[in-house]
Every structure is written in C-alpha cells, then in structure tokens.
C-alpha cells in the first residue's frame, strides 16, 4: 500500500476506510500544493477566466466519488493520485474553453495513466524568477526571465516538468520519477541537466543561477 509519511498514514487509513472527516483533512493538507500546481498549468489564454480554487473544488468532488477505487488498488502515493485527478479535471476545463486547440500535442505531457497540461516555458520562468527576485529589481528580473525562458524553451518538455515538479509542486525525486514514469536515476539526471542548461545560458550573459536553485 502506497502510504504517505508516518505523520499522515493513520489519517489516510481512516480516509480510505470511508471516514469523510479524515478525507477532508487530507484534502485540506494538500490543497496549497495542488493550488500551486493548477496555477502553474492553467493555459495563459484562459487564466483570467479560471480560478484555481474552482478547479480544486471540482476535482475534490471527483476524489470523493473515486476514493474507493484508490483504496482498492493504491499503486501510487495518495498525493500523486490526488494530483492526477486534479490534473485530469484541469484538462477537462481546458477542453471546455479551448475546444479543438487542445488537440495540439504540445499542450499535454503524458504521465502514468493520464495527461496533465504541461508547464510552459513562459509560466515557469515567470513563477521561478517572480519568487527569486525582489520587486525593487523589476528590470533585472524581466531581463533574466527572458534568458531563463529561452533556456526552458530549448529543453525537452520532460526536463521542464522536472523543474516544475521539484521547485513548485515540491515533489521528491522519487515522486517525480513515479509521476513521469521514469527511473529515479533518470529523473535525477534530467533535473541536473535542466539546472545546468539554465546556468549555462545565464552565465553566457553575465548572470548567475539564483541561490535557491544552485
């Protein structure tokens, strides 16, 4: 059985046993991380029309409806299962608003048993440097964002995903490997390669990798 940490194992067992209060507590615990995932992956074309909290509310209905399925066959950690259902709900919302445009394969990255909207180079660069640079240095941040975006755009989509999963969804290397269907060593190598690529691009322009990523 794929349980979470010892601190949440008992709560999870109760939730899987049908305890609605325990399930609500589990969802509340993971809500901030899931909200961050949704915000990072909402397509820029519909960002003004979609609120992350609304996506989570709809996804949590799916969780309550399908919790028995997970309890019967918990092959992956509970959080990754939650993340997958939230991602699938976000895909449905994208399709509702974008229609045929969702047929572009670049909009999705296949993981495990489903698809999640991928992290664009623009949104990832903005999130990354928005957190790592003070508002008083807005011009420098904008300049560095373009450089980082250039580096991200040149990466394999899975390498971008590794950065998003590690730094914004706060997944461990093991969780990244499971989420993306990779071995632990492959996930680690992709992460290191992605950081080195950003570092190379920044150094070429006299910039340095932010301390939080070094």
N, C-alpha and C. Protein backbone atom coordinates (compact mmCIF):
# COMPACT_ATOMS: atom_id res chain seq x y z
N UNK A 1 0.85 -1.20 0.00
CA UNK A 1 0.00 0.00 0.00
C UNK A 1 0.87 1.24 0.00
N UNK A 2 0.61 2.19 -0.92
CA UNK A 2 1.45 3.37 -1.06
C UNK A 2 0.98 4.46 -0.11
N UNK A 3 1.47 4.44 1.11
CA UNK A 3 1.07 5.43 2.10
C UNK A 3 1.99 6.65 2.06
N UNK A 4 1.55 7.75 2.67
CA UNK A 4 2.35 8.95 2.79
C UNK A 4 3.28 8.81 3.98
N UNK A 5 3.76 9.91 4.52
CA UNK A 5 4.67 9.88 5.66
C UNK A 5 3.95 9.32 6.89
N UNK A 6 4.75 8.97 7.90
CA UNK A 6 4.18 8.39 9.11
C UNK A 6 3.16 9.33 9.76
N UNK A 7 3.39 10.64 9.62
CA UNK A 7 2.51 11.61 10.26
C UNK A 7 1.12 11.65 9.67
N UNK A 8 0.96 11.18 8.44
CA UNK A 8 -0.36 11.20 7.80
C UNK A 8 -0.89 9.80 7.51
N UNK A 9 -0.11 8.76 7.84
CA UNK A 9 -0.51 7.39 7.50
C UNK A 9 -1.82 7.00 8.15
N UNK A 10 -1.98 7.31 9.44
CA UNK A 10 -3.21 6.93 10.13
C UNK A 10 -4.41 7.67 9.57
N UNK A 11 -4.22 8.97 9.31
CA UNK A 11 -5.30 9.76 8.74
C UNK A 11 -5.71 9.21 7.37
N UNK A 12 -4.72 8.82 6.59
CA UNK A 12 -5.01 8.27 5.28
C UNK A 12 -5.77 6.95 5.39
N UNK A 13 -5.36 6.11 6.32
CA UNK A 13 -6.07 4.84 6.51
C UNK A 13 -7.54 5.09 6.85
N UNK A 14 -7.78 6.10 7.69
CA UNK A 14 -9.16 6.42 8.04
C UNK A 14 -9.92 6.92 6.82
N UNK A 15 -9.28 7.76 6.02
CA UNK A 15 -9.93 8.30 4.83
C UNK A 15 -10.27 7.18 3.85
N UNK A 16 -9.34 6.25 3.67
CA UNK A 16 -9.58 5.15 2.75
C UNK A 16 -10.62 4.18 3.29
N UNK A 17 -10.82 4.23 4.61
CA UNK A 17 -11.85 3.39 5.22
C UNK A 17 -13.23 4.01 5.17
N UNK A 18 -13.35 5.19 4.57
CA UNK A 18 -14.66 5.82 4.42
C UNK A 18 -14.94 6.95 5.38
N UNK A 19 -13.93 7.38 6.16
CA UNK A 19 -14.11 8.48 7.11
C UNK A 19 -14.05 9.80 6.37
N UNK A 20 -15.19 10.46 6.22
CA UNK A 20 -15.28 11.70 5.45
C UNK A 20 -14.48 12.84 6.10
N UNK A 21 -14.48 12.88 7.43
CA UNK A 21 -13.73 13.92 8.13
C UNK A 21 -12.24 13.78 7.88
N UNK A 22 -11.74 12.55 7.92
CA UNK A 22 -10.32 12.30 7.67
C UNK A 22 -9.97 12.67 6.23
N UNK A 23 -10.83 12.35 5.29
CA UNK A 23 -10.58 12.69 3.90
C UNK A 23 -10.53 14.21 3.72
N UNK A 24 -11.46 14.92 4.37
CA UNK A 24 -11.48 16.37 4.29
C UNK A 24 -10.18 16.97 4.83
N UNK A 25 -9.67 16.38 5.92
CA UNK A 25 -8.41 16.87 6.49
C UNK A 25 -7.24 16.61 5.54
N UNK A 26 -7.25 15.46 4.89
CA UNK A 26 -6.20 15.15 3.93
C UNK A 26 -6.22 16.13 2.76
N UNK A 27 -7.40 16.41 2.25
CA UNK A 27 -7.52 17.35 1.12
C UNK A 27 -7.09 18.75 1.53
N UNK A 28 -7.44 19.15 2.75
CA UNK A 28 -7.04 20.48 3.23
C UNK A 28 -5.52 20.57 3.36
N UNK A 29 -4.90 19.48 3.78
CA UNK A 29 -3.44 19.46 3.94
C UNK A 29 -2.73 19.65 2.61
N UNK A 30 -3.25 19.03 1.57
CA UNK A 30 -2.59 19.07 0.27
C UNK A 30 -3.07 20.21 -0.62
N UNK A 31 -4.10 20.94 -0.20
CA UNK A 31 -4.67 21.99 -1.04
C UNK A 31 -3.64 23.03 -1.51
N UNK A 32 -2.76 23.56 -0.63
CA UNK A 32 -1.81 24.59 -1.11
C UNK A 32 -0.91 24.09 -2.24
N UNK A 33 -0.41 22.87 -2.13
CA UNK A 33 0.45 22.33 -3.18
C UNK A 33 -0.32 22.11 -4.47
N UNK A 34 -1.54 21.62 -4.35
CA UNK A 34 -2.36 21.38 -5.54
C UNK A 34 -2.76 22.69 -6.20
N UNK A 35 -3.04 23.71 -5.39
CA UNK A 35 -3.37 25.02 -5.96
C UNK A 35 -2.19 25.58 -6.75
N UNK A 36 -1.00 25.42 -6.21
CA UNK A 36 0.19 25.87 -6.91
C UNK A 36 0.35 25.14 -8.25
N UNK A 37 0.10 23.85 -8.24
CA UNK A 37 0.18 23.07 -9.47
C UNK A 37 -0.80 23.59 -10.52
N UNK A 38 -2.02 23.86 -10.09
CA UNK A 38 -3.05 24.35 -11.02
C UNK A 38 -2.66 25.72 -11.57
N UNK A 39 -2.24 26.62 -10.71
CA UNK A 39 -1.87 27.97 -11.16
C UNK A 39 -0.75 27.94 -12.19
N UNK A 40 0.18 27.02 -11.99
CA UNK A 40 1.31 26.93 -12.90
C UNK A 40 0.91 26.38 -14.25
N UNK A 41 -0.17 25.57 -14.28
CA UNK A 41 -0.52 24.86 -15.50
C UNK A 41 -1.75 25.39 -16.23
N UNK A 42 -2.42 26.37 -15.68
CA UNK A 42 -3.56 26.96 -16.40
C UNK A 42 -3.05 27.66 -17.66
N UNK A 43 -3.66 27.34 -18.77
CA UNK A 43 -3.24 27.95 -20.04
C UNK A 43 -3.41 29.47 -19.97
N UNK A 44 -2.40 30.24 -20.41
CA UNK A 44 -2.49 31.71 -20.35
C UNK A 44 -3.73 32.27 -21.04
N UNK A 45 -4.24 31.56 -22.04
CA UNK A 45 -5.40 32.05 -22.78
C UNK A 45 -6.68 32.04 -21.97
N UNK A 46 -6.73 31.26 -20.89
CA UNK A 46 -7.95 31.21 -20.08
C UNK A 46 -7.68 31.55 -18.62
N UNK A 47 -6.48 32.01 -18.33
CA UNK A 47 -6.11 32.26 -16.94
C UNK A 47 -7.05 33.26 -16.27
N UNK A 48 -7.50 34.26 -17.01
CA UNK A 48 -8.38 35.27 -16.42
C UNK A 48 -9.78 34.77 -16.16
N UNK A 49 -10.14 33.63 -16.76
CA UNK A 49 -11.49 33.10 -16.61
C UNK A 49 -11.58 31.95 -15.62
N UNK A 50 -10.44 31.39 -15.25
CA UNK A 50 -10.42 30.20 -14.40
C UNK A 50 -9.70 30.49 -13.10
N UNK A 51 -10.32 30.12 -11.99
CA UNK A 51 -9.70 30.28 -10.68
C UNK A 51 -9.26 28.91 -10.17
N UNK A 52 -8.05 28.85 -9.61
CA UNK A 52 -7.52 27.57 -9.13
C UNK A 52 -8.42 26.93 -8.10
N UNK A 53 -9.04 27.72 -7.24
CA UNK A 53 -9.92 27.17 -6.21
C UNK A 53 -11.12 26.46 -6.82
N UNK A 54 -11.64 27.00 -7.93
CA UNK A 54 -12.77 26.36 -8.60
C UNK A 54 -12.37 25.01 -9.18
N UNK A 55 -11.14 24.96 -9.75
CA UNK A 55 -10.64 23.70 -10.30
C UNK A 55 -10.53 22.66 -9.19
N UNK A 56 -9.97 23.07 -8.04
CA UNK A 56 -9.82 22.13 -6.93
C UNK A 56 -11.17 21.67 -6.39
N UNK A 57 -12.13 22.57 -6.32
CA UNK A 57 -13.44 22.19 -5.81
C UNK A 57 -14.05 21.09 -6.69
N UNK A 58 -13.96 21.26 -8.00
CA UNK A 58 -14.50 20.25 -8.90
C UNK A 58 -13.71 18.95 -8.79
N UNK A 59 -12.38 19.06 -8.69
CA UNK A 59 -11.53 17.87 -8.59
C UNK A 59 -11.80 17.10 -7.30
N UNK A 60 -12.06 17.83 -6.22
CA UNK A 60 -12.30 17.15 -4.95
C UNK A 60 -13.62 16.37 -4.95
N UNK A 61 -14.58 16.81 -5.77
CA UNK A 61 -15.79 16.00 -5.95
C UNK A 61 -15.41 14.68 -6.60
N UNK A 62 -14.49 14.74 -7.58
CA UNK A 62 -14.01 13.52 -8.23
C UNK A 62 -13.31 12.61 -7.23
N UNK A 63 -12.51 13.22 -6.33
CA UNK A 63 -11.79 12.44 -5.32
C UNK A 63 -12.77 11.68 -4.44
N UNK A 64 -13.79 12.38 -3.95
CA UNK A 64 -14.76 11.74 -3.05
C UNK A 64 -15.53 10.63 -3.78
N UNK A 65 -15.78 10.85 -5.06
CA UNK A 65 -16.52 9.85 -5.83
C UNK A 65 -15.67 8.62 -6.12
N UNK A 66 -14.34 8.81 -6.23
CA UNK A 66 -13.48 7.71 -6.68
C UNK A 66 -12.53 7.20 -5.60
N UNK A 67 -12.68 7.66 -4.37
CA UNK A 67 -11.76 7.27 -3.31
C UNK A 67 -11.75 5.75 -3.11
N UNK A 68 -12.89 5.10 -3.31
CA UNK A 68 -12.95 3.65 -3.14
C UNK A 68 -12.07 2.94 -4.17
N UNK A 69 -11.95 3.52 -5.37
CA UNK A 69 -11.10 2.94 -6.39
C UNK A 69 -9.65 2.93 -5.93
N UNK A 70 -9.22 4.05 -5.36
CA UNK A 70 -7.85 4.12 -4.88
C UNK A 70 -7.64 3.16 -3.71
N UNK A 71 -8.60 3.11 -2.79
CA UNK A 71 -8.48 2.24 -1.63
C UNK A 71 -8.34 0.77 -2.05
N UNK A 72 -8.98 0.42 -3.15
CA UNK A 72 -8.92 -0.97 -3.62
C UNK A 72 -7.61 -1.30 -4.30
N UNK A 73 -6.92 -0.29 -4.83
CA UNK A 73 -5.68 -0.55 -5.57
C UNK A 73 -4.75 0.66 -5.49
N UNK A 74 -4.16 0.91 -4.31
CA UNK A 74 -3.31 2.10 -4.11
C UNK A 74 -1.88 1.88 -4.62
N UNK A 75 -1.73 1.91 -5.92
CA UNK A 75 -0.42 1.60 -6.51
C UNK A 75 0.58 2.74 -6.40
N UNK A 76 0.10 3.96 -6.27
CA UNK A 76 0.98 5.13 -6.19
C UNK A 76 0.66 5.89 -4.91
N UNK A 77 1.57 6.73 -4.42
CA UNK A 77 1.27 7.53 -3.22
C UNK A 77 -0.02 8.33 -3.40
N UNK A 78 -0.73 8.52 -2.30
CA UNK A 78 -2.03 9.18 -2.33
C UNK A 78 -1.94 10.58 -2.95
N UNK A 79 -0.89 11.32 -2.59
CA UNK A 79 -0.79 12.68 -3.15
C UNK A 79 -0.68 12.65 -4.66
N UNK A 80 0.09 11.72 -5.20
CA UNK A 80 0.23 11.65 -6.66
C UNK A 80 -1.10 11.28 -7.31
N UNK A 81 -1.89 10.46 -6.62
CA UNK A 81 -3.23 10.14 -7.15
C UNK A 81 -4.11 11.39 -7.13
N UNK A 82 -4.06 12.14 -6.04
CA UNK A 82 -4.81 13.40 -5.97
C UNK A 82 -4.40 14.34 -7.11
N UNK A 83 -3.09 14.46 -7.26
CA UNK A 83 -2.54 15.35 -8.29
C UNK A 83 -3.02 14.94 -9.68
N UNK A 84 -3.09 13.64 -9.91
CA UNK A 84 -3.54 13.15 -11.21
C UNK A 84 -5.00 13.51 -11.45
N UNK A 85 -5.86 13.35 -10.44
CA UNK A 85 -7.27 13.70 -10.61
C UNK A 85 -7.45 15.20 -10.83
N UNK A 86 -6.69 16.00 -10.09
CA UNK A 86 -6.75 17.46 -10.28
C UNK A 86 -6.30 17.81 -11.69
N UNK A 87 -5.22 17.18 -12.14
CA UNK A 87 -4.73 17.44 -13.49
C UNK A 87 -5.72 17.05 -14.56
N UNK A 88 -6.39 15.92 -14.37
CA UNK A 88 -7.38 15.49 -15.34
C UNK A 88 -8.57 16.45 -15.38
N UNK A 89 -8.96 16.96 -14.22
CA UNK A 89 -10.04 17.94 -14.18
C UNK A 89 -9.62 19.22 -14.90
N UNK A 90 -8.35 19.61 -14.73
CA UNK A 90 -7.86 20.81 -15.41
C UNK A 90 -7.83 20.60 -16.92
N UNK A 91 -7.48 19.41 -17.38
CA UNK A 91 -7.53 19.10 -18.80
C UNK A 91 -8.96 19.26 -19.32
N UNK A 92 -9.93 18.74 -18.58
CA UNK A 92 -11.33 18.86 -19.00
C UNK A 92 -11.74 20.32 -19.12
N UNK A 93 -11.32 21.15 -18.17
CA UNK A 93 -11.66 22.57 -18.20
C UNK A 93 -10.99 23.25 -19.39
N UNK A 94 -9.75 22.88 -19.67
CA UNK A 94 -9.08 23.42 -20.86
C UNK A 94 -9.85 23.07 -22.12
N UNK A 95 -10.29 21.84 -22.21
CA UNK A 95 -11.02 21.41 -23.40
C UNK A 95 -12.35 22.15 -23.54
N UNK A 96 -12.99 22.42 -22.41
CA UNK A 96 -14.25 23.16 -22.45
C UNK A 96 -14.05 24.56 -23.01
N UNK A 97 -12.93 25.18 -22.66
CA UNK A 97 -12.69 26.57 -23.06
C UNK A 97 -11.92 26.70 -24.37
N UNK A 98 -11.08 25.71 -24.68
CA UNK A 98 -10.22 25.84 -25.86
C UNK A 98 -10.65 24.96 -27.02
N UNK A 99 -11.48 23.97 -26.75
CA UNK A 99 -12.01 23.13 -27.81
C UNK A 99 -10.93 22.44 -28.63
N UNK A 100 -11.01 22.62 -29.95
CA UNK A 100 -10.11 21.93 -30.86
C UNK A 100 -8.65 22.28 -30.65
N UNK A 101 -8.39 23.45 -30.05
CA UNK A 101 -7.00 23.85 -29.83
C UNK A 101 -6.28 22.89 -28.89
N UNK A 102 -7.02 22.12 -28.08
CA UNK A 102 -6.41 21.17 -27.17
C UNK A 102 -5.84 19.96 -27.91
N UNK A 103 -6.12 19.85 -29.22
CA UNK A 103 -5.57 18.72 -29.96
C UNK A 103 -4.08 18.88 -30.20
N UNK A 104 -3.56 20.08 -29.99
CA UNK A 104 -2.13 20.31 -30.13
C UNK A 104 -1.41 19.49 -29.06
N UNK A 105 -0.61 18.53 -29.48
CA UNK A 105 0.06 17.63 -28.53
C UNK A 105 1.00 18.37 -27.60
N UNK A 106 1.43 19.57 -27.98
CA UNK A 106 2.35 20.31 -27.13
C UNK A 106 1.69 20.79 -25.85
N UNK A 107 0.37 20.74 -25.80
CA UNK A 107 -0.34 21.22 -24.62
C UNK A 107 -0.37 20.19 -23.49
N UNK A 108 0.04 18.96 -23.77
CA UNK A 108 -0.07 17.92 -22.77
C UNK A 108 1.21 17.10 -22.68
N UNK A 109 1.46 16.56 -21.51
CA UNK A 109 2.56 15.62 -21.29
C UNK A 109 1.97 14.39 -20.64
N UNK A 110 2.18 13.23 -21.22
CA UNK A 110 1.61 12.00 -20.69
C UNK A 110 2.33 11.57 -19.42
N UNK A 111 1.56 11.27 -18.36
CA UNK A 111 2.16 10.74 -17.14
C UNK A 111 1.28 9.63 -16.62
N UNK A 112 1.92 8.53 -16.25
CA UNK A 112 1.25 7.38 -15.65
C UNK A 112 0.01 7.02 -16.45
N UNK A 113 -1.19 7.18 -15.86
CA UNK A 113 -2.41 6.75 -16.54
C UNK A 113 -3.24 7.92 -17.06
N UNK A 114 -2.64 9.09 -17.19
CA UNK A 114 -3.41 10.23 -17.66
C UNK A 114 -2.54 11.33 -18.19
N UNK A 115 -3.17 12.42 -18.59
CA UNK A 115 -2.46 13.56 -19.14
C UNK A 115 -2.72 14.80 -18.29
N UNK A 116 -1.68 15.61 -18.11
CA UNK A 116 -1.82 16.88 -17.42
C UNK A 116 -1.34 17.98 -18.36
N UNK A 117 -1.96 19.17 -18.29
CA UNK A 117 -1.42 20.29 -19.06
C UNK A 117 0.03 20.52 -18.66
N UNK A 118 0.89 20.74 -19.63
CA UNK A 118 2.29 20.90 -19.30
C UNK A 118 2.59 22.31 -18.82
N UNK A 119 3.77 22.46 -18.27
CA UNK A 119 4.23 23.76 -17.79
C UNK A 119 4.91 24.48 -18.94
N UNK A 120 4.41 25.63 -19.35
CA UNK A 120 5.05 26.37 -20.44
C UNK A 120 6.30 27.05 -19.96
N UNK A 121 7.21 27.31 -20.90
CA UNK A 121 8.45 27.99 -20.54
C UNK A 121 8.18 29.38 -19.99
N UNK A 122 7.15 30.04 -20.53
CA UNK A 122 6.82 31.39 -20.07
C UNK A 122 6.32 31.38 -18.63
N UNK A 123 5.38 30.48 -18.34
CA UNK A 123 4.82 30.47 -16.98
C UNK A 123 5.84 29.99 -15.96
N UNK A 124 6.67 29.02 -16.34
CA UNK A 124 7.67 28.51 -15.41
C UNK A 124 8.73 29.57 -15.12
N UNK A 125 9.19 30.27 -16.15
CA UNK A 125 10.19 31.32 -15.94
C UNK A 125 9.63 32.43 -15.07
N UNK A 126 8.37 32.81 -15.32
CA UNK A 126 7.76 33.88 -14.54
C UNK A 126 7.60 33.48 -13.09
N UNK A 127 7.15 32.27 -12.85
CA UNK A 127 6.98 31.78 -11.48
C UNK A 127 8.32 31.68 -10.78
N UNK A 128 9.30 31.15 -11.48
CA UNK A 128 10.62 30.95 -10.90
C UNK A 128 11.26 32.26 -10.47
N UNK A 129 11.36 33.20 -11.39
CA UNK A 129 12.04 34.46 -11.08
C UNK A 129 11.15 35.42 -10.31
N UNK A 130 9.85 35.22 -10.40
CA UNK A 130 8.97 36.04 -9.59
C UNK A 130 9.17 35.77 -8.11
N UNK A 131 9.55 34.56 -7.80
CA UNK A 131 9.79 34.18 -6.40
C UNK A 131 11.21 34.51 -5.96
N UNK A 132 12.15 34.51 -6.91
CA UNK A 132 13.55 34.60 -6.53
C UNK A 132 14.14 35.99 -6.65
N UNK A 133 13.37 36.96 -7.13
CA UNK A 133 13.89 38.31 -7.33
C UNK A 133 13.00 39.32 -6.63
N UNK A 134 13.60 40.29 -5.97
CA UNK A 134 12.82 41.29 -5.23
C UNK A 134 12.12 42.24 -6.19
N UNK A 135 10.96 42.78 -5.81
CA UNK A 135 10.22 43.71 -6.67
C UNK A 135 11.02 44.95 -7.04
N UNK A 136 11.94 45.36 -6.20
CA UNK A 136 12.72 46.56 -6.48
C UNK A 136 13.69 46.39 -7.64
N UNK A 137 13.87 45.17 -8.09
CA UNK A 137 14.79 44.89 -9.20
C UNK A 137 14.00 44.34 -10.38
N UNK A 138 12.89 45.01 -10.69
CA UNK A 138 11.96 44.51 -11.71
C UNK A 138 12.60 44.42 -13.09
N UNK A 139 13.40 45.42 -13.48
CA UNK A 139 14.01 45.40 -14.81
C UNK A 139 14.99 44.24 -14.95
N UNK A 140 15.79 44.04 -13.93
CA UNK A 140 16.74 42.93 -13.95
C UNK A 140 16.00 41.60 -13.99
N UNK A 141 14.88 41.53 -13.23
CA UNK A 141 14.10 40.31 -13.22
C UNK A 141 13.53 40.02 -14.61
N UNK A 142 13.02 41.06 -15.26
CA UNK A 142 12.45 40.87 -16.59
C UNK A 142 13.50 40.40 -17.59
N UNK A 143 14.70 40.98 -17.48
CA UNK A 143 15.79 40.59 -18.38
C UNK A 143 16.19 39.15 -18.14
N UNK A 144 16.31 38.78 -16.89
CA UNK A 144 16.70 37.42 -16.57
C UNK A 144 15.60 36.43 -16.94
N UNK A 145 14.35 36.88 -16.81
CA UNK A 145 13.25 35.99 -17.16
C UNK A 145 13.30 35.61 -18.63
N UNK A 146 13.62 36.55 -19.50
CA UNK A 146 13.72 36.25 -20.92
C UNK A 146 14.82 35.23 -21.19
N UNK A 147 15.94 35.36 -20.47
CA UNK A 147 17.04 34.42 -20.64
C UNK A 147 16.65 33.02 -20.16
N UNK A 148 16.02 32.97 -18.98
CA UNK A 148 15.60 31.68 -18.45
C UNK A 148 14.53 31.06 -19.35
N UNK A 149 13.63 31.90 -19.86
CA UNK A 149 12.60 31.39 -20.75
C UNK A 149 13.21 30.80 -22.01
N UNK A 150 14.25 31.45 -22.52
CA UNK A 150 14.96 30.93 -23.69
C UNK A 150 15.55 29.55 -23.40
N UNK A 151 16.16 29.42 -22.22
CA UNK A 151 16.75 28.14 -21.84
C UNK A 151 15.68 27.07 -21.68
N UNK A 152 14.57 27.43 -21.05
CA UNK A 152 13.49 26.47 -20.84
C UNK A 152 12.87 26.02 -22.15
N UNK A 153 12.71 26.97 -23.08
CA UNK A 153 12.08 26.65 -24.35
C UNK A 153 12.91 25.65 -25.14
N UNK A 154 14.22 25.70 -24.97
CA UNK A 154 15.10 24.79 -25.71
C UNK A 154 15.18 23.40 -25.09
N UNK A 155 14.62 23.24 -23.89
CA UNK A 155 14.69 21.96 -23.19
C UNK A 155 13.66 20.97 -23.71
N UNK A 156 13.94 19.71 -23.47
CA UNK A 156 12.93 18.68 -23.64
C UNK A 156 11.79 18.99 -22.66
N UNK A 157 10.53 18.84 -23.06
CA UNK A 157 9.41 19.13 -22.16
C UNK A 157 9.50 18.42 -20.82
N UNK A 158 10.02 17.21 -20.79
CA UNK A 158 10.13 16.49 -19.52
C UNK A 158 11.14 17.15 -18.59
N UNK A 159 12.17 17.77 -19.16
CA UNK A 159 13.13 18.48 -18.32
C UNK A 159 12.48 19.70 -17.67
N UNK A 160 11.64 20.38 -18.42
CA UNK A 160 10.88 21.50 -17.82
C UNK A 160 9.97 20.99 -16.71
N UNK A 161 9.34 19.83 -16.97
CA UNK A 161 8.46 19.27 -15.96
C UNK A 161 9.20 18.96 -14.67
N UNK A 162 10.41 18.44 -14.78
CA UNK A 162 11.19 18.11 -13.60
C UNK A 162 11.40 19.35 -12.74
N UNK A 163 11.74 20.47 -13.37
CA UNK A 163 11.92 21.72 -12.62
C UNK A 163 10.63 22.14 -11.93
N UNK A 164 9.53 22.05 -12.66
CA UNK A 164 8.24 22.44 -12.09
C UNK A 164 7.87 21.55 -10.91
N UNK A 165 8.07 20.25 -11.09
CA UNK A 165 7.70 19.30 -10.04
C UNK A 165 8.55 19.48 -8.79
N UNK A 166 9.85 19.68 -8.98
CA UNK A 166 10.75 19.78 -7.84
C UNK A 166 10.61 21.11 -7.11
N UNK A 167 10.50 22.22 -7.85
CA UNK A 167 10.57 23.52 -7.21
C UNK A 167 9.22 24.16 -6.90
N UNK A 168 8.16 23.77 -7.59
CA UNK A 168 6.88 24.42 -7.36
C UNK A 168 5.83 23.47 -6.81
N UNK A 169 5.90 22.21 -7.20
CA UNK A 169 4.98 21.24 -6.62
C UNK A 169 5.62 20.52 -5.44
N UNK A 170 6.91 20.77 -5.23
CA UNK A 170 7.65 20.25 -4.07
C UNK A 170 7.63 18.73 -4.00
N UNK A 171 7.69 18.07 -5.13
CA UNK A 171 7.78 16.62 -5.17
C UNK A 171 9.22 16.19 -4.95
N UNK A 172 9.40 15.06 -4.32
CA UNK A 172 10.73 14.49 -4.15
C UNK A 172 11.17 13.89 -5.49
N UNK A 173 12.45 13.53 -5.57
CA UNK A 173 12.93 12.90 -6.80
C UNK A 173 12.18 11.60 -7.06
N UNK A 174 11.91 10.84 -6.00
CA UNK A 174 11.18 9.59 -6.14
C UNK A 174 9.76 9.83 -6.66
N UNK A 175 9.10 10.86 -6.13
CA UNK A 175 7.74 11.18 -6.59
C UNK A 175 7.76 11.65 -8.04
N UNK A 176 8.77 12.45 -8.40
CA UNK A 176 8.90 12.89 -9.80
C UNK A 176 9.03 11.69 -10.72
N UNK A 177 9.86 10.74 -10.33
CA UNK A 177 10.07 9.55 -11.14
C UNK A 177 8.75 8.80 -11.34
N UNK A 178 7.99 8.63 -10.26
CA UNK A 178 6.71 7.93 -10.35
C UNK A 178 5.73 8.70 -11.22
N UNK A 179 5.65 10.02 -11.01
CA UNK A 179 4.69 10.84 -11.75
C UNK A 179 4.96 10.84 -13.25
N UNK A 180 6.23 10.79 -13.61
CA UNK A 180 6.60 10.88 -15.02
C UNK A 180 6.94 9.54 -15.65
N UNK A 181 6.82 8.48 -14.87
CA UNK A 181 7.10 7.16 -15.43
C UNK A 181 8.56 6.94 -15.74
N UNK A 182 9.46 7.53 -14.92
CA UNK A 182 10.90 7.41 -15.13
C UNK A 182 11.52 6.62 -13.99
N UNK A 183 12.75 6.16 -14.19
CA UNK A 183 13.50 5.60 -13.09
C UNK A 183 13.99 6.76 -12.22
N UNK A 184 14.35 6.46 -10.97
CA UNK A 184 14.85 7.52 -10.09
C UNK A 184 16.11 8.16 -10.65
N UNK A 185 17.00 7.36 -11.21
CA UNK A 185 18.24 7.91 -11.76
C UNK A 185 17.96 8.79 -12.97
N UNK A 186 17.00 8.39 -13.81
CA UNK A 186 16.66 9.19 -14.98
C UNK A 186 16.06 10.53 -14.57
N UNK A 187 15.19 10.50 -13.55
CA UNK A 187 14.59 11.74 -13.07
C UNK A 187 15.67 12.66 -12.50
N UNK A 188 16.59 12.11 -11.73
CA UNK A 188 17.66 12.90 -11.15
C UNK A 188 18.55 13.49 -12.23
N UNK A 189 18.88 12.69 -13.24
CA UNK A 189 19.74 13.18 -14.33
C UNK A 189 19.07 14.30 -15.12
N UNK A 190 17.78 14.15 -15.35
CA UNK A 190 17.06 15.20 -16.08
C UNK A 190 17.03 16.50 -15.28
N UNK A 191 16.86 16.38 -13.99
CA UNK A 191 16.82 17.57 -13.14
C UNK A 191 18.17 18.29 -13.16
N UNK A 192 19.24 17.54 -13.00
CA UNK A 192 20.58 18.14 -13.03
C UNK A 192 20.85 18.77 -14.39
N UNK A 193 20.46 18.09 -15.45
CA UNK A 193 20.68 18.61 -16.80
C UNK A 193 19.91 19.92 -17.01
N UNK A 194 18.70 19.98 -16.50
CA UNK A 194 17.89 21.19 -16.66
C UNK A 194 18.52 22.38 -15.93
N UNK A 195 18.99 22.14 -14.71
CA UNK A 195 19.65 23.21 -13.95
C UNK A 195 20.92 23.68 -14.65
N UNK A 196 21.71 22.75 -15.17
CA UNK A 196 22.95 23.11 -15.85
C UNK A 196 22.66 23.94 -17.09
N UNK A 197 21.58 23.61 -17.79
CA UNK A 197 21.24 24.37 -19.01
C UNK A 197 20.89 25.81 -18.66
N UNK A 198 20.09 26.00 -17.61
CA UNK A 198 19.76 27.36 -17.19
C UNK A 198 21.02 28.11 -16.77
N UNK A 199 21.87 27.44 -16.03
CA UNK A 199 23.12 28.05 -15.56
C UNK A 199 23.99 28.49 -16.72
N UNK A 200 24.10 27.64 -17.75
CA UNK A 200 24.92 27.96 -18.91
C UNK A 200 24.41 29.20 -19.64
N UNK A 201 23.10 29.26 -19.83
CA UNK A 201 22.51 30.40 -20.55
C UNK A 201 22.72 31.69 -19.77
N UNK A 202 22.50 31.64 -18.46
CA UNK A 202 22.68 32.84 -17.64
C UNK A 202 24.14 33.29 -17.63
N UNK A 203 25.06 32.35 -17.52
CA UNK A 203 26.48 32.71 -17.50
C UNK A 203 26.94 33.32 -18.81
N UNK A 204 26.36 32.90 -19.90
CA UNK A 204 26.70 33.46 -21.20
C UNK A 204 26.36 34.95 -21.27
N UNK A 205 25.44 35.38 -20.44
CA UNK A 205 25.01 36.78 -20.42
C UNK A 205 25.41 37.48 -19.12
N UNK A 206 26.38 36.93 -18.45
CA UNK A 206 26.88 37.57 -17.22
C UNK A 206 25.95 37.47 -16.06
N UNK A 207 25.06 36.51 -16.06
CA UNK A 207 24.14 36.31 -14.94
C UNK A 207 24.51 35.02 -14.22
N UNK A 208 23.88 34.84 -13.05
CA UNK A 208 24.19 33.65 -12.26
C UNK A 208 22.90 32.93 -11.91
N UNK A 209 23.03 31.64 -11.66
CA UNK A 209 21.89 30.85 -11.22
C UNK A 209 21.47 31.33 -9.85
N UNK A 210 20.16 31.58 -9.61
CA UNK A 210 19.69 32.01 -8.29
C UNK A 210 20.15 31.04 -7.21
N UNK A 211 20.47 31.59 -6.04
CA UNK A 211 20.97 30.76 -4.95
C UNK A 211 20.03 29.62 -4.60
N UNK A 212 18.70 29.86 -4.73
CA UNK A 212 17.73 28.85 -4.35
C UNK A 212 17.78 27.63 -5.28
N UNK A 213 18.40 27.79 -6.47
CA UNK A 213 18.49 26.69 -7.41
C UNK A 213 19.89 26.11 -7.51
N UNK A 214 20.86 26.82 -6.97
CA UNK A 214 22.26 26.39 -7.12
C UNK A 214 22.52 25.11 -6.34
